[in-house]
All heavy atoms as atom14 arrays in JSON, in Angstrom:
{
  "sequence": "NAKRTVYLQMNSLQPDDTAVYYCNGVWFALSSKYDRQYWGQGTQVTV",
  "atom14_mask": [
    [1, 1, 1, 1, 1, 1, 1, 1, 0, 0, 0, 0, 0, 0],
    [1, 1, 1, 1, 1, 0, 0, 0, 0, 0, 0, 0, 0, 0],
    [1, 1, 1, 1, 1, 1, 1, 1, 1, 0, 0, 0, 0, 0],
    [1, 1, 1, 1, 1, 1, 1, 1, 1, 1, 1, 0, 0, 0],
    [1, 1, 1, 1, 1, 1, 1, 0, 0, 0, 0, 0, 0, 0],
    [1, 1, 1, 1, 1, 1, 1, 0, 0, 0, 0, 0, 0, 0],
    [1, 1, 1, 1, 1, 1, 1, 1, 1, 1, 1, 1, 0, 0],
    [1, 1, 1, 1, 1, 1, 1, 1, 0, 0, 0, 0, 0, 0],
    [1, 1, 1, 1, 1, 1, 1, 1, 1, 0, 0, 0, 0, 0],
    [1, 1, 1, 1, 1, 1, 1, 1, 0, 0, 0, 0, 0, 0],
    [1, 1, 1, 1, 1, 1, 1, 1, 0, 0, 0, 0, 0, 0],
    [1, 1, 1, 1, 1, 1, 0, 0, 0, 0, 0, 0, 0, 0],
    [1, 1, 1, 1, 1, 1, 1, 1, 0, 0, 0, 0, 0, 0],
    [1, 1, 1, 1, 1, 1, 1, 1, 1, 0, 0, 0, 0, 0],
    [1, 1, 1, 1, 1, 1, 1, 0, 0, 0, 0, 0, 0, 0],
    [1, 1, 1, 1, 1, 1, 1, 1, 0, 0, 0, 0, 0, 0],
    [1, 1, 1, 1, 1, 1, 1, 1, 0, 0, 0, 0, 0, 0],
    [1, 1, 1, 1, 1, 1, 1, 0, 0, 0, 0, 0, 0, 0],
    [1, 1, 1, 1, 1, 0, 0, 0, 0, 0, 0, 0, 0, 0],
    [1, 1, 1, 1, 1, 1, 1, 0, 0, 0, 0, 0, 0, 0],
    [1, 1, 1, 1, 1, 1, 1, 1, 1, 1, 1, 1, 0, 0],
    [1, 1, 1, 1, 1, 1, 1, 1, 1, 1, 1, 1, 0, 0],
    [1, 1, 1, 1, 1, 1, 0, 0, 0, 0, 0, 0, 0, 0],
    [1, 1, 1, 1, 1, 1, 1, 1, 0, 0, 0, 0, 0, 0],
    [1, 1, 1, 1, 0, 0, 0, 0, 0, 0, 0, 0, 0, 0],
    [1, 1, 1, 1, 1, 1, 1, 0, 0, 0, 0, 0, 0, 0],
    [1, 1, 1, 1, 1, 1, 1, 1, 1, 1, 1, 1, 1, 1],
    [1, 1, 1, 1, 1, 1, 1, 1, 1, 1, 1, 0, 0, 0],
    [1, 1, 1, 1, 1, 0, 0, 0, 0, 0, 0, 0, 0, 0],
    [1, 1, 1, 1, 1, 1, 1, 1, 0, 0, 0, 0, 0, 0],
    [1, 1, 1, 1, 1, 1, 0, 0, 0, 0, 0, 0, 0, 0],
    [1, 1, 1, 1, 1, 1, 0, 0, 0, 0, 0, 0, 0, 0],
    [1, 1, 1, 1, 1, 1, 1, 1, 1, 0, 0, 0, 0, 0],
    [1, 1, 1, 1, 1, 1, 1, 1, 1, 1, 1, 1, 0, 0],
    [1, 1, 1, 1, 1, 1, 1, 1, 0, 0, 0, 0, 0, 0],
    [1, 1, 1, 1, 1, 1, 1, 1, 1, 1, 1, 0, 0, 0],
    [1, 1, 1, 1, 1, 1, 1, 1, 1, 0, 0, 0, 0, 0],
    [1, 1, 1, 1, 1, 1, 1, 1, 1, 1, 1, 1, 0, 0],
    [1, 1, 1, 1, 1, 1, 1, 1, 1, 1, 1, 1, 1, 1],
    [1, 1, 1, 1, 0, 0, 0, 0, 0, 0, 0, 0, 0, 0],
    [1, 1, 1, 1, 1, 1, 1, 1, 1, 0, 0, 0, 0, 0],
    [1, 1, 1, 1, 0, 0, 0, 0, 0, 0, 0, 0, 0, 0],
    [1, 1, 1, 1, 1, 1, 1, 0, 0, 0, 0, 0, 0, 0],
    [1, 1, 1, 1, 1, 1, 1, 1, 1, 0, 0, 0, 0, 0],
    [1, 1, 1, 1, 1, 1, 1, 0, 0, 0, 0, 0, 0, 0],
    [1, 1, 1, 1, 1, 1, 1, 0, 0, 0, 0, 0, 0, 0],
    [1, 1, 1, 1, 1, 1, 1, 0, 0, 0, 0, 0, 0, 0]
  ],
  "atom14_positions": [
    [[85.77, 95.18, 102.73], [85.26, 94.71, 104.02], [84.26, 93.57, 103.86], [84.23, 92.65, 104.68], [84.62, 95.87, 104.79], [85.64, 96.88, 105.27], [86.84, 96.62, 105.28], [85.15, 98.05, 105.67], [0.0, 0.0, 0.0], [0.0, 0.0, 0.0], [0.0, 0.0, 0.0], [0.0, 0.0, 0.0], [0.0, 0.0, 0.0], [0.0, 0.0, 0.0]],
    [[83.46, 93.63, 102.82], [82.47, 92.59, 102.6], [83.13, 91.24, 102.36], [82.59, 90.2, 102.75], [81.55, 92.95, 101.44], [0.0, 0.0, 0.0], [0.0, 0.0, 0.0], [0.0, 0.0, 0.0], [0.0, 0.0, 0.0], [0.0, 0.0, 0.0], [0.0, 0.0, 0.0], [0.0, 0.0, 0.0], [0.0, 0.0, 0.0], [0.0, 0.0, 0.0]],
    [[84.28, 91.25, 101.71], [85.01, 90.02, 101.44], [86.04, 89.7, 102.5], [86.74, 88.69, 102.39], [85.68, 90.1, 100.07], [84.72, 90.2, 98.9], [85.47, 90.23, 97.58], [84.52, 90.28, 96.41], [85.23, 90.32, 95.11], [0.0, 0.0, 0.0], [0.0, 0.0, 0.0], [0.0, 0.0, 0.0], [0.0, 0.0, 0.0], [0.0, 0.0, 0.0]],
    [[86.14, 90.56, 103.51], [87.11, 90.37, 104.58], [88.52, 90.22, 104.02], [89.31, 89.4, 104.5], [86.75, 89.16, 105.44], [85.42, 89.28, 106.16], [85.15, 88.06, 107.02], [83.92, 88.18, 107.79], [83.47, 87.26, 108.61], [84.15, 86.13, 108.8], [82.34, 87.45, 109.27], [0.0, 0.0, 0.0], [0.0, 0.0, 0.0], [0.0, 0.0, 0.0]],
    [[88.83, 91.03, 103.04], [90.1, 90.89, 102.34], [90.8, 92.23, 102.2], [90.16, 93.25, 101.91], [89.88, 90.28, 100.95], [89.22, 89.01, 101.08], [91.21, 90.07, 100.25], [0.0, 0.0, 0.0], [0.0, 0.0, 0.0], [0.0, 0.0, 0.0], [0.0, 0.0, 0.0], [0.0, 0.0, 0.0], [0.0, 0.0, 0.0], [0.0, 0.0, 0.0]],
    [[92.09, 92.22, 102.41], [92.95, 93.37, 102.21], [93.92, 93.04, 101.08], [94.44, 91.92, 101.01], [93.72, 93.72, 103.49], [94.62, 94.93, 103.26], [92.74, 94.0, 104.63], [0.0, 0.0, 0.0], [0.0, 0.0, 0.0], [0.0, 0.0, 0.0], [0.0, 0.0, 0.0], [0.0, 0.0, 0.0], [0.0, 0.0, 0.0], [0.0, 0.0, 0.0]],
    [[94.15, 94.0, 100.23], [94.99, 93.79, 99.06], [96.2, 94.71, 99.1], [96.17, 95.8, 99.66], [94.22, 94.06, 97.76], [92.96, 93.26, 97.62], [91.73, 93.8, 98.01], [92.98, 91.98, 97.1], [90.56, 93.07, 97.88], [91.81, 91.24, 96.96], [90.61, 91.79, 97.36], [89.44, 91.06, 97.22], [0.0, 0.0, 0.0], [0.0, 0.0, 0.0]],
    [[97.25, 94.27, 98.47], [98.4, 95.11, 98.22], [98.77, 94.97, 96.75], [99.29, 93.93, 96.34], [99.59, 94.73, 99.11], [100.83, 95.61, 98.96], [100.53, 97.03, 99.46], [102.02, 95.03, 99.7], [0.0, 0.0, 0.0], [0.0, 0.0, 0.0], [0.0, 0.0, 0.0], [0.0, 0.0, 0.0], [0.0, 0.0, 0.0], [0.0, 0.0, 0.0]],
    [[98.46, 95.99, 95.98], [98.83, 96.02, 94.58], [100.23, 96.59, 94.46], [100.49, 97.71, 94.9], [97.84, 96.84, 93.77], [98.15, 96.89, 92.28], [97.17, 97.73, 91.5], [96.07, 98.0, 91.95], [97.58, 98.14, 90.32], [0.0, 0.0, 0.0], [0.0, 0.0, 0.0], [0.0, 0.0, 0.0], [0.0, 0.0, 0.0], [0.0, 0.0, 0.0]],
    [[101.11, 95.83, 93.86], [102.51, 96.21, 93.76], [102.88, 96.34, 92.29], [102.82, 95.36, 91.54], [103.41, 95.17, 94.45], [103.04, 94.91, 95.9], [104.19, 93.77, 96.72], [103.85, 92.27, 95.8], [0.0, 0.0, 0.0], [0.0, 0.0, 0.0], [0.0, 0.0, 0.0], [0.0, 0.0, 0.0], [0.0, 0.0, 0.0], [0.0, 0.0, 0.0]],
    [[103.25, 97.53, 91.9], [103.64, 97.82, 90.53], [105.11, 98.23, 90.49], [105.69, 98.62, 91.49], [102.78, 98.93, 89.94], [101.31, 98.58, 89.87], [100.95, 97.42, 89.63], [100.45, 99.57, 90.06], [0.0, 0.0, 0.0], [0.0, 0.0, 0.0], [0.0, 0.0, 0.0], [0.0, 0.0, 0.0], [0.0, 0.0, 0.0], [0.0, 0.0, 0.0]],
    [[105.67, 98.16, 89.31], [107.07, 98.56, 89.1], [107.99, 97.92, 90.13], [108.82, 98.59, 90.74], [107.18, 100.09, 89.13], [106.37, 100.69, 88.15], [0.0, 0.0, 0.0], [0.0, 0.0, 0.0], [0.0, 0.0, 0.0], [0.0, 0.0, 0.0], [0.0, 0.0, 0.0], [0.0, 0.0, 0.0], [0.0, 0.0, 0.0], [0.0, 0.0, 0.0]],
    [[107.84, 96.64, 90.3], [108.61, 95.93, 91.32], [110.1, 95.95, 91.0], [110.51, 95.86, 89.84], [108.11, 94.5, 91.45], [106.78, 94.36, 92.2], [106.15, 93.01, 91.92], [107.0, 94.55, 93.7], [0.0, 0.0, 0.0], [0.0, 0.0, 0.0], [0.0, 0.0, 0.0], [0.0, 0.0, 0.0], [0.0, 0.0, 0.0], [0.0, 0.0, 0.0]],
    [[110.88, 96.05, 92.04], [112.32, 96.08, 91.95], [112.91, 94.95, 92.78], [112.27, 94.45, 93.7], [112.86, 97.43, 92.45], [112.29, 98.64, 91.71], [112.65, 98.64, 90.24], [113.78, 98.33, 89.88], [111.7, 98.98, 89.4], [0.0, 0.0, 0.0], [0.0, 0.0, 0.0], [0.0, 0.0, 0.0], [0.0, 0.0, 0.0], [0.0, 0.0, 0.0]],
    [[114.14, 94.54, 92.47], [114.75, 93.47, 93.28], [114.78, 93.76, 94.77], [114.67, 92.83, 95.57], [116.17, 93.37, 92.69], [116.0, 93.79, 91.27], [114.96, 94.88, 91.3], [0.0, 0.0, 0.0], [0.0, 0.0, 0.0], [0.0, 0.0, 0.0], [0.0, 0.0, 0.0], [0.0, 0.0, 0.0], [0.0, 0.0, 0.0], [0.0, 0.0, 0.0]],
    [[114.89, 95.03, 95.15], [114.9, 95.37, 96.57], [113.55, 95.13, 97.24], [113.46, 95.16, 98.47], [115.29, 96.84, 96.77], [116.78, 97.08, 96.57], [117.54, 96.1, 96.5], [117.18, 98.26, 96.5], [0.0, 0.0, 0.0], [0.0, 0.0, 0.0], [0.0, 0.0, 0.0], [0.0, 0.0, 0.0], [0.0, 0.0, 0.0], [0.0, 0.0, 0.0]],
    [[112.51, 94.89, 96.46], [111.21, 94.55, 97.02], [111.13, 93.09, 97.44], [110.13, 92.69, 98.05], [110.09, 94.87, 96.03], [109.99, 96.35, 95.71], [110.08, 97.17, 96.65], [109.8, 96.69, 94.52], [0.0, 0.0, 0.0], [0.0, 0.0, 0.0], [0.0, 0.0, 0.0], [0.0, 0.0, 0.0], [0.0, 0.0, 0.0], [0.0, 0.0, 0.0]],
    [[112.12, 92.3, 97.09], [112.13, 90.89, 97.45], [112.11, 90.74, 98.96], [112.96, 91.29, 99.66], [113.35, 90.2, 96.86], [113.28, 90.22, 95.43], [113.43, 88.75, 97.33], [0.0, 0.0, 0.0], [0.0, 0.0, 0.0], [0.0, 0.0, 0.0], [0.0, 0.0, 0.0], [0.0, 0.0, 0.0], [0.0, 0.0, 0.0], [0.0, 0.0, 0.0]],
    [[111.15, 90.0, 99.46], [110.98, 89.82, 100.9], [109.82, 88.88, 101.14], [109.08, 88.53, 100.22], [110.73, 91.16, 101.6], [0.0, 0.0, 0.0], [0.0, 0.0, 0.0], [0.0, 0.0, 0.0], [0.0, 0.0, 0.0], [0.0, 0.0, 0.0], [0.0, 0.0, 0.0], [0.0, 0.0, 0.0], [0.0, 0.0, 0.0], [0.0, 0.0, 0.0]],
    [[109.66, 88.49, 102.39], [108.44, 87.84, 102.82], [107.48, 88.93, 103.27], [107.83, 89.76, 104.1], [108.69, 86.84, 103.97], [107.37, 86.23, 104.43], [109.64, 85.74, 103.51], [0.0, 0.0, 0.0], [0.0, 0.0, 0.0], [0.0, 0.0, 0.0], [0.0, 0.0, 0.0], [0.0, 0.0, 0.0], [0.0, 0.0, 0.0], [0.0, 0.0, 0.0]],
    [[106.3, 88.92, 102.71], [105.3, 89.93, 103.02], [104.27, 89.36, 103.99], [103.73, 88.28, 103.76], [104.62, 90.42, 101.74], [105.48, 91.35, 100.93], [106.6, 90.88, 100.25], [105.2, 92.72, 100.87], [107.42, 91.73, 99.53], [106.01, 93.58, 100.15], [107.11, 93.08, 99.49], [107.92, 93.94, 98.77], [0.0, 0.0, 0.0], [0.0, 0.0, 0.0]],
    [[104.01, 90.11, 105.05], [103.12, 89.69, 106.11], [101.92, 90.61, 106.22], [102.07, 91.84, 106.17], [103.84, 89.67, 107.46], [104.98, 88.7, 107.56], [106.27, 89.08, 107.23], [104.76, 87.39, 107.99], [107.32, 88.18, 107.34], [105.8, 86.5, 108.1], [107.08, 86.9, 107.76], [108.12, 86.01, 107.87], [0.0, 0.0, 0.0], [0.0, 0.0, 0.0]],
    [[100.78, 90.02, 106.39], [99.57, 90.77, 106.68], [99.44, 90.96, 108.18], [99.73, 90.03, 108.96], [98.35, 90.02, 106.13], [96.77, 90.85, 106.38], [0.0, 0.0, 0.0], [0.0, 0.0, 0.0], [0.0, 0.0, 0.0], [0.0, 0.0, 0.0], [0.0, 0.0, 0.0], [0.0, 0.0, 0.0], [0.0, 0.0, 0.0], [0.0, 0.0, 0.0]],
    [[99.03, 92.13, 108.59], [98.86, 92.45, 110.0], [97.51, 93.13, 110.2], [97.12, 93.98, 109.4], [99.99, 93.37, 110.48], [99.77, 93.89, 111.88], [99.13, 94.93, 112.08], [100.3, 93.17, 112.87], [0.0, 0.0, 0.0], [0.0, 0.0, 0.0], [0.0, 0.0, 0.0], [0.0, 0.0, 0.0], [0.0, 0.0, 0.0], [0.0, 0.0, 0.0]],
    [[96.84, 92.76, 111.26], [95.59, 93.4, 111.6], [95.53, 93.73, 113.07], [95.97, 92.95, 113.91], [0.0, 0.0, 0.0], [0.0, 0.0, 0.0], [0.0, 0.0, 0.0], [0.0, 0.0, 0.0], [0.0, 0.0, 0.0], [0.0, 0.0, 0.0], [0.0, 0.0, 0.0], [0.0, 0.0, 0.0], [0.0, 0.0, 0.0], [0.0, 0.0, 0.0]],
    [[94.99, 94.9, 113.37], [94.78, 95.33, 114.75], [93.31, 95.66, 114.91], [92.76, 96.48, 114.16], [95.63, 96.56, 115.12], [95.34, 96.99, 116.54], [97.11, 96.25, 114.94], [0.0, 0.0, 0.0], [0.0, 0.0, 0.0], [0.0, 0.0, 0.0], [0.0, 0.0, 0.0], [0.0, 0.0, 0.0], [0.0, 0.0, 0.0], [0.0, 0.0, 0.0]],
    [[92.7, 95.02, 115.87], [91.3, 95.3, 116.2], [91.3, 96.13, 117.49], [91.79, 95.68, 118.52], [90.53, 94.0, 116.38], [90.0, 93.46, 115.08], [88.73, 93.52, 114.62], [90.76, 92.76, 114.08], [88.63, 92.91, 113.39], [89.86, 92.43, 113.03], [92.1, 92.38, 113.96], [90.26, 91.75, 111.88], [92.5, 91.71, 112.81], [91.59, 91.41, 111.79]],
    [[90.74, 97.34, 117.38], [90.82, 98.29, 118.48], [89.7, 98.07, 119.49], [88.56, 97.74, 119.14], [90.75, 99.71, 117.95], [91.9, 100.08, 117.06], [91.76, 100.1, 115.69], [93.13, 100.4, 117.61], [92.83, 100.43, 114.87], [94.2, 100.72, 116.8], [94.05, 100.74, 115.42], [0.0, 0.0, 0.0], [0.0, 0.0, 0.0], [0.0, 0.0, 0.0]],
    [[90.06, 98.27, 120.75], [89.11, 98.25, 121.85], [88.97, 99.65, 122.43], [89.71, 100.56, 122.07], [89.56, 97.26, 122.92], [0.0, 0.0, 0.0], [0.0, 0.0, 0.0], [0.0, 0.0, 0.0], [0.0, 0.0, 0.0], [0.0, 0.0, 0.0], [0.0, 0.0, 0.0], [0.0, 0.0, 0.0], [0.0, 0.0, 0.0], [0.0, 0.0, 0.0]],
    [[88.01, 99.82, 123.33], [87.85, 101.12, 123.97], [89.11, 101.52, 124.7], [89.48, 102.71, 124.73], [86.65, 101.1, 124.91], [85.28, 100.96, 124.25], [84.19, 100.89, 125.3], [85.03, 102.13, 123.31], [0.0, 0.0, 0.0], [0.0, 0.0, 0.0], [0.0, 0.0, 0.0], [0.0, 0.0, 0.0], [0.0, 0.0, 0.0], [0.0, 0.0, 0.0]],
    [[89.75, 100.58, 125.3], [91.05, 100.79, 125.92], [92.11, 100.11, 125.08], [91.98, 98.94, 124.74], [91.07, 100.24, 127.35], [92.37, 100.29, 127.89], [0.0, 0.0, 0.0], [0.0, 0.0, 0.0], [0.0, 0.0, 0.0], [0.0, 0.0, 0.0], [0.0, 0.0, 0.0], [0.0, 0.0, 0.0], [0.0, 0.0, 0.0], [0.0, 0.0, 0.0]],
    [[93.15, 100.86, 124.72], [94.2, 100.3, 123.89], [94.89, 99.11, 124.55], [95.52, 98.3, 123.86], [95.23, 101.38, 123.54], [95.84, 101.89, 124.71], [0.0, 0.0, 0.0], [0.0, 0.0, 0.0], [0.0, 0.0, 0.0], [0.0, 0.0, 0.0], [0.0, 0.0, 0.0], [0.0, 0.0, 0.0], [0.0, 0.0, 0.0], [0.0, 0.0, 0.0]],
    [[94.75, 99.03, 125.83], [95.33, 97.9, 126.55], [94.79, 96.58, 126.03], [95.47, 95.54, 126.11], [95.06, 98.05, 128.05], [95.54, 96.92, 128.92], [95.22, 97.18, 130.37], [95.68, 96.05, 131.26], [95.36, 96.3, 132.69], [0.0, 0.0, 0.0], [0.0, 0.0, 0.0], [0.0, 0.0, 0.0], [0.0, 0.0, 0.0], [0.0, 0.0, 0.0]],
    [[93.58, 96.62, 125.51], [92.92, 95.42, 125.06], [92.86, 95.3, 123.54], [92.14, 94.45, 123.01], [91.51, 95.34, 125.65], [91.51, 95.35, 127.15], [91.15, 96.49, 127.86], [91.9, 94.23, 127.87], [91.18, 96.51, 129.24], [91.92, 94.24, 129.25], [91.56, 95.37, 129.93], [91.58, 95.38, 131.31], [0.0, 0.0, 0.0], [0.0, 0.0, 0.0]],
    [[93.63, 96.14, 122.83], [93.74, 95.97, 121.38], [94.26, 94.57, 121.07], [95.11, 94.03, 121.79], [94.67, 97.01, 120.78], [94.1, 98.41, 120.78], [92.91, 98.57, 121.1], [94.84, 99.34, 120.44], [0.0, 0.0, 0.0], [0.0, 0.0, 0.0], [0.0, 0.0, 0.0], [0.0, 0.0, 0.0], [0.0, 0.0, 0.0], [0.0, 0.0, 0.0]],
    [[93.79, 94.03, 119.98], [94.22, 92.7, 119.56], [94.95, 92.78, 118.22], [94.46, 93.41, 117.28], [93.02, 91.76, 119.44], [92.29, 91.53, 120.76], [91.13, 90.59, 120.57], [90.42, 90.34, 121.82], [89.38, 89.53, 121.94], [88.92, 88.89, 120.89], [88.8, 89.38, 123.12], [0.0, 0.0, 0.0], [0.0, 0.0, 0.0], [0.0, 0.0, 0.0]],
    [[96.09, 92.17, 118.15], [96.91, 92.18, 116.96], [97.15, 90.76, 116.46], [97.42, 89.85, 117.26], [98.25, 92.88, 117.23], [99.16, 92.96, 116.01], [100.41, 93.75, 116.27], [100.64, 94.78, 115.63], [101.22, 93.31, 117.22], [0.0, 0.0, 0.0], [0.0, 0.0, 0.0], [0.0, 0.0, 0.0], [0.0, 0.0, 0.0], [0.0, 0.0, 0.0]],
    [[97.09, 90.59, 115.14], [97.29, 89.29, 114.53], [98.19, 89.41, 113.32], [98.23, 90.45, 112.64], [95.94, 88.68, 114.12], [94.96, 88.56, 115.26], [94.03, 89.56, 115.5], [94.98, 87.46, 116.1], [93.13, 89.46, 116.55], [94.09, 87.35, 117.16], [93.17, 88.36, 117.38], [92.28, 88.26, 118.43], [0.0, 0.0, 0.0], [0.0, 0.0, 0.0]],
    [[98.9, 88.34, 113.05], [99.81, 88.26, 111.92], [99.49, 87.06, 111.05], [99.13, 85.99, 111.55], [101.27, 88.12, 112.38], [101.83, 89.34, 113.04], [101.84, 89.62, 114.36], [102.48, 90.43, 112.38], [102.46, 90.83, 114.58], [102.86, 91.35, 113.39], [102.79, 90.72, 111.06], [103.53, 92.54, 113.11], [103.44, 91.9, 110.77], [103.81, 92.8, 111.78]],
    [[99.66, 87.24, 109.76], [99.61, 86.11, 108.85], [100.94, 85.38, 108.84], [101.91, 85.8, 109.47], [0.0, 0.0, 0.0], [0.0, 0.0, 0.0], [0.0, 0.0, 0.0], [0.0, 0.0, 0.0], [0.0, 0.0, 0.0], [0.0, 0.0, 0.0], [0.0, 0.0, 0.0], [0.0, 0.0, 0.0], [0.0, 0.0, 0.0], [0.0, 0.0, 0.0]],
    [[100.98, 84.28, 108.12], [102.19, 83.48, 108.06], [103.2, 83.99, 107.04], [104.37, 83.59, 107.07], [101.84, 82.03, 107.74], [101.03, 81.34, 108.83], [101.76, 81.31, 110.15], [102.89, 80.81, 110.23], [101.14, 81.83, 111.2], [0.0, 0.0, 0.0], [0.0, 0.0, 0.0], [0.0, 0.0, 0.0], [0.0, 0.0, 0.0], [0.0, 0.0, 0.0]],
    [[102.78, 84.86, 106.17], [103.68, 85.46, 105.2], [103.61, 84.79, 103.85], [103.29, 83.61, 103.72], [0.0, 0.0, 0.0], [0.0, 0.0, 0.0], [0.0, 0.0, 0.0], [0.0, 0.0, 0.0], [0.0, 0.0, 0.0], [0.0, 0.0, 0.0], [0.0, 0.0, 0.0], [0.0, 0.0, 0.0], [0.0, 0.0, 0.0], [0.0, 0.0, 0.0]],
    [[103.93, 85.56, 102.82], [104.01, 85.05, 101.47], [105.26, 85.62, 100.81], [105.57, 86.8, 100.95], [102.74, 85.38, 100.66], [102.81, 84.78, 99.36], [102.55, 86.89, 100.5], [0.0, 0.0, 0.0], [0.0, 0.0, 0.0], [0.0, 0.0, 0.0], [0.0, 0.0, 0.0], [0.0, 0.0, 0.0], [0.0, 0.0, 0.0], [0.0, 0.0, 0.0]],
    [[105.99, 84.78, 100.12], [107.26, 85.18, 99.53], [107.05, 85.91, 98.22], [106.31, 85.45, 97.35], [108.15, 83.95, 99.29], [109.48, 84.25, 98.6], [110.45, 84.99, 99.49], [110.65, 84.6, 100.65], [111.05, 86.05, 98.96], [0.0, 0.0, 0.0], [0.0, 0.0, 0.0], [0.0, 0.0, 0.0], [0.0, 0.0, 0.0], [0.0, 0.0, 0.0]],
    [[107.71, 87.05, 98.1], [107.75, 87.81, 96.85], [109.21, 87.89, 96.43], [110.05, 88.38, 97.18], [107.15, 89.21, 97.0], [107.39, 90.03, 95.73], [105.67, 89.12, 97.31], [0.0, 0.0, 0.0], [0.0, 0.0, 0.0], [0.0, 0.0, 0.0], [0.0, 0.0, 0.0], [0.0, 0.0, 0.0], [0.0, 0.0, 0.0], [0.0, 0.0, 0.0]],
    [[109.49, 87.43, 95.23], [110.84, 87.46, 94.7], [110.83, 88.2, 93.38], [110.09, 87.83, 92.47], [111.41, 86.05, 94.5], [111.4, 85.34, 95.75], [112.84, 86.12, 93.99], [0.0, 0.0, 0.0], [0.0, 0.0, 0.0], [0.0, 0.0, 0.0], [0.0, 0.0, 0.0], [0.0, 0.0, 0.0], [0.0, 0.0, 0.0], [0.0, 0.0, 0.0]],
    [[111.65, 89.23, 93.29], [111.73, 90.04, 92.09], [113.11, 89.82, 91.47], [114.13, 90.09, 92.1], [111.52, 91.54, 92.38], [111.53, 92.33, 91.08], [110.21, 91.74, 93.13], [0.0, 0.0, 0.0], [0.0, 0.0, 0.0], [0.0, 0.0, 0.0], [0.0, 0.0, 0.0], [0.0, 0.0, 0.0], [0.0, 0.0, 0.0], [0.0, 0.0, 0.0]]
  ]
}
C-alpha cells in the first residue's frame, strides 16, 4: 500500500498462461452504486 503497487508473482508458468494480463482496481463507496472501477492497459505474458 505504501508503494501503491500490486504484484502478481507467477511461478511454474505454462503455455496456457500466455495472455494479456490486466490490473483492475475497485474503490468502494458507502453505496455500491458509486463504486469506482479502473483498468490498466495490460501487459503481454508469453510462455
